[in-house]
Amino acid sequence: MNKKAVKYREAVDELNNILEDLQSEEIDVDEVSEKVKRAVELIKLCRAKIEGTELEVRKIVKEFEEESEKNNG
């Protein structure tokens, strides 16, 4: 995977490009394996970002609910 942090949108765009390449009749057989490996890396990255965001949102909502309970109760 690239050393620099890849943003979610960049990863999705790259995945779409890889998909287009793999569907192309002009793709070189030697490239297929590398493209699939990169796609798997990007999918893992996207999954991790989604899970991290989900946890962060749950934490924010929980803190908000706790604060609301303190103020109302």
N, C-alpha and C. Protein backbone atom coordinates (compact mmCIF):
# COMPACT_ATOMS: atom_id res chain seq x y z
N MET A 1 0.84 -1.17 0.00
CA MET A 1 0.00 0.00 0.00
C MET A 1 0.89 1.23 0.00
N ASN A 2 0.37 2.32 -0.52
CA ASN A 2 1.14 3.56 -0.55
C ASN A 2 1.46 4.01 0.86
N LYS A 3 2.61 4.67 1.00
CA LYS A 3 3.03 5.15 2.31
C LYS A 3 2.12 6.29 2.79
N LYS A 4 1.71 7.17 1.85
CA LYS A 4 0.86 8.29 2.27
C LYS A 4 -0.55 7.79 2.55
N ALA A 5 -1.20 8.44 3.48
CA ALA A 5 -2.56 8.05 3.84
C ALA A 5 -3.50 8.30 2.67
N VAL A 6 -4.28 7.31 2.35
CA VAL A 6 -5.24 7.42 1.26
C VAL A 6 -6.59 7.76 1.87
N LYS A 7 -7.23 8.78 1.34
CA LYS A 7 -8.55 9.15 1.81
C LYS A 7 -9.57 8.18 1.23
N TYR A 8 -10.70 8.08 1.90
CA TYR A 8 -11.76 7.14 1.50
C TYR A 8 -12.18 7.37 0.06
N ARG A 9 -12.46 8.61 -0.30
CA ARG A 9 -12.93 8.93 -1.65
C ARG A 9 -11.88 8.55 -2.68
N GLU A 10 -10.61 8.80 -2.37
CA GLU A 10 -9.52 8.42 -3.29
C GLU A 10 -9.48 6.91 -3.48
N ALA A 11 -9.67 6.18 -2.38
CA ALA A 11 -9.65 4.72 -2.44
C ALA A 11 -10.79 4.21 -3.30
N VAL A 12 -11.97 4.77 -3.13
CA VAL A 12 -13.13 4.35 -3.92
C VAL A 12 -12.91 4.67 -5.40
N ASP A 13 -12.38 5.84 -5.67
CA ASP A 13 -12.09 6.21 -7.07
C ASP A 13 -11.08 5.25 -7.68
N GLU A 14 -10.04 4.92 -6.91
CA GLU A 14 -9.03 3.99 -7.43
C GLU A 14 -9.63 2.61 -7.64
N LEU A 15 -10.50 2.18 -6.72
CA LEU A 15 -11.17 0.89 -6.90
C LEU A 15 -12.01 0.88 -8.18
N ASN A 16 -12.71 1.97 -8.43
CA ASN A 16 -13.50 2.06 -9.66
C ASN A 16 -12.61 1.99 -10.90
N ASN A 17 -11.46 2.64 -10.84
CA ASN A 17 -10.52 2.58 -11.96
C ASN A 17 -9.99 1.17 -12.17
N ILE A 18 -9.68 0.49 -11.07
CA ILE A 18 -9.20 -0.89 -11.16
C ILE A 18 -10.28 -1.78 -11.76
N LEU A 19 -11.51 -1.59 -11.33
CA LEU A 19 -12.62 -2.38 -11.87
C LEU A 19 -12.76 -2.16 -13.37
N GLU A 20 -12.68 -0.92 -13.78
CA GLU A 20 -12.75 -0.62 -15.21
C GLU A 20 -11.61 -1.30 -15.97
N ASP A 21 -10.40 -1.25 -15.39
CA ASP A 21 -9.25 -1.89 -16.03
C ASP A 21 -9.46 -3.40 -16.14
N LEU A 22 -9.96 -4.01 -15.06
CA LEU A 22 -10.16 -5.45 -15.07
C LEU A 22 -11.24 -5.88 -16.05
N GLN A 23 -12.21 -5.01 -16.28
CA GLN A 23 -13.27 -5.32 -17.23
C GLN A 23 -12.85 -5.05 -18.67
N SER A 24 -11.76 -4.36 -18.83
CA SER A 24 -11.26 -4.02 -20.16
C SER A 24 -10.66 -5.25 -20.82
N GLU A 25 -10.88 -5.36 -22.08
CA GLU A 25 -10.30 -6.46 -22.84
C GLU A 25 -8.84 -6.19 -23.15
N GLU A 26 -8.38 -5.00 -22.87
CA GLU A 26 -7.02 -4.61 -23.20
C GLU A 26 -6.04 -4.77 -22.04
N ILE A 27 -6.52 -5.21 -20.89
CA ILE A 27 -5.62 -5.33 -19.72
C ILE A 27 -4.61 -6.44 -19.97
N ASP A 28 -3.39 -6.16 -19.59
CA ASP A 28 -2.30 -7.12 -19.72
C ASP A 28 -2.44 -8.17 -18.61
N VAL A 29 -2.30 -9.42 -18.96
CA VAL A 29 -2.45 -10.51 -18.01
C VAL A 29 -1.49 -10.34 -16.83
N ASP A 30 -0.33 -9.81 -17.09
CA ASP A 30 0.65 -9.61 -16.03
C ASP A 30 0.20 -8.57 -15.00
N GLU A 31 -0.70 -7.71 -15.38
CA GLU A 31 -1.19 -6.66 -14.47
C GLU A 31 -2.34 -7.13 -13.59
N VAL A 32 -3.03 -8.18 -13.99
CA VAL A 32 -4.24 -8.60 -13.28
C VAL A 32 -3.96 -8.88 -11.81
N SER A 33 -2.94 -9.66 -11.53
CA SER A 33 -2.62 -10.01 -10.15
C SER A 33 -2.32 -8.77 -9.31
N GLU A 34 -1.53 -7.86 -9.83
CA GLU A 34 -1.21 -6.65 -9.09
C GLU A 34 -2.44 -5.78 -8.85
N LYS A 35 -3.29 -5.69 -9.85
CA LYS A 35 -4.52 -4.89 -9.70
C LYS A 35 -5.43 -5.50 -8.64
N VAL A 36 -5.55 -6.82 -8.63
CA VAL A 36 -6.40 -7.49 -7.65
C VAL A 36 -5.81 -7.30 -6.24
N LYS A 37 -4.50 -7.42 -6.10
CA LYS A 37 -3.86 -7.19 -4.80
C LYS A 37 -4.12 -5.78 -4.31
N ARG A 38 -3.99 -4.82 -5.18
CA ARG A 38 -4.23 -3.42 -4.80
C ARG A 38 -5.70 -3.21 -4.43
N ALA A 39 -6.59 -3.84 -5.18
CA ALA A 39 -8.02 -3.72 -4.88
C ALA A 39 -8.32 -4.26 -3.48
N VAL A 40 -7.72 -5.38 -3.12
CA VAL A 40 -7.93 -5.96 -1.79
C VAL A 40 -7.41 -5.00 -0.71
N GLU A 41 -6.25 -4.41 -0.94
CA GLU A 41 -5.72 -3.44 0.02
C GLU A 41 -6.68 -2.26 0.19
N LEU A 42 -7.20 -1.77 -0.92
CA LEU A 42 -8.11 -0.63 -0.86
C LEU A 42 -9.43 -0.99 -0.17
N ILE A 43 -9.92 -2.19 -0.42
CA ILE A 43 -11.17 -2.63 0.23
C ILE A 43 -10.96 -2.71 1.74
N LYS A 44 -9.82 -3.27 2.16
CA LYS A 44 -9.51 -3.34 3.60
C LYS A 44 -9.43 -1.95 4.20
N LEU A 45 -8.78 -1.02 3.48
CA LEU A 45 -8.66 0.35 3.95
C LEU A 45 -10.04 1.00 4.10
N CYS A 46 -10.88 0.82 3.10
CA CYS A 46 -12.23 1.40 3.14
C CYS A 46 -13.03 0.81 4.30
N ARG A 47 -12.94 -0.49 4.47
CA ARG A 47 -13.67 -1.15 5.56
C ARG A 47 -13.20 -0.60 6.91
N ALA A 48 -11.90 -0.46 7.08
CA ALA A 48 -11.36 0.07 8.34
C ALA A 48 -11.83 1.50 8.58
N LYS A 49 -11.84 2.31 7.52
CA LYS A 49 -12.30 3.69 7.67
C LYS A 49 -13.78 3.76 8.04
N ILE A 50 -14.58 2.91 7.42
CA ILE A 50 -16.02 2.88 7.73
C ILE A 50 -16.24 2.43 9.17
N GLU A 51 -15.54 1.38 9.59
CA GLU A 51 -15.69 0.90 10.96
C GLU A 51 -15.22 1.95 11.97
N GLY A 52 -14.10 2.61 11.67
CA GLY A 52 -13.61 3.66 12.55
C GLY A 52 -14.58 4.82 12.66
N THR A 53 -15.15 5.20 11.54
CA THR A 53 -16.12 6.29 11.54
C THR A 53 -17.37 5.90 12.31
N GLU A 54 -17.81 4.66 12.13
CA GLU A 54 -18.99 4.19 12.85
C GLU A 54 -18.77 4.25 14.37
N LEU A 55 -17.60 3.80 14.81
CA LEU A 55 -17.29 3.85 16.24
C LEU A 55 -17.25 5.28 16.75
N GLU A 56 -16.66 6.16 15.97
CA GLU A 56 -16.57 7.57 16.36
C GLU A 56 -17.96 8.20 16.46
N VAL A 57 -18.82 7.91 15.50
CA VAL A 57 -20.17 8.47 15.51
C VAL A 57 -20.95 7.93 16.72
N ARG A 58 -20.81 6.63 16.99
CA ARG A 58 -21.50 6.06 18.16
C ARG A 58 -21.04 6.74 19.45
N LYS A 59 -19.74 6.99 19.55
CA LYS A 59 -19.20 7.66 20.74
C LYS A 59 -19.78 9.06 20.88
N ILE A 60 -19.84 9.78 19.76
CA ILE A 60 -20.38 11.15 19.78
C ILE A 60 -21.85 11.13 20.19
N VAL A 61 -22.62 10.20 19.62
CA VAL A 61 -24.05 10.11 19.95
C VAL A 61 -24.23 9.76 21.43
N LYS A 62 -23.43 8.83 21.92
CA LYS A 62 -23.52 8.44 23.34
C LYS A 62 -23.22 9.63 24.23
N GLU A 63 -22.16 10.38 23.91
CA GLU A 63 -21.82 11.56 24.71
C GLU A 63 -22.94 12.59 24.67
N PHE A 64 -23.54 12.76 23.50
CA PHE A 64 -24.64 13.71 23.37
C PHE A 64 -25.83 13.27 24.22
N GLU A 65 -26.16 11.97 24.16
CA GLU A 65 -27.28 11.46 24.94
C GLU A 65 -27.03 11.62 26.44
N GLU A 66 -25.80 11.33 26.87
CA GLU A 66 -25.47 11.48 28.28
C GLU A 66 -25.57 12.94 28.72
N GLU A 67 -25.11 13.84 27.86
CA GLU A 67 -25.19 15.26 28.18
C GLU A 67 -26.64 15.72 28.22
N SER A 68 -27.46 15.22 27.32
CA SER A 68 -28.87 15.58 27.30
C SER A 68 -29.57 15.08 28.56
N GLU A 69 -29.21 13.87 29.01
CA GLU A 69 -29.81 13.33 30.23
C GLU A 69 -29.45 14.17 31.45
N LYS A 70 -28.20 14.64 31.49
CA LYS A 70 -27.76 15.47 32.62
C LYS A 70 -28.53 16.79 32.63
N ASN A 71 -28.73 17.36 31.45
CA ASN A 71 -29.40 18.65 31.35
C ASN A 71 -30.91 18.55 31.58
N ASN A 72 -31.49 17.38 31.30
CA ASN A 72 -32.93 17.21 31.46
C ASN A 72 -33.32 16.50 32.74
N GLY A 73 -32.36 16.03 33.41
CA GLY A 73 -32.80 15.24 34.47
C GLY A 73 -32.38 15.21 35.79
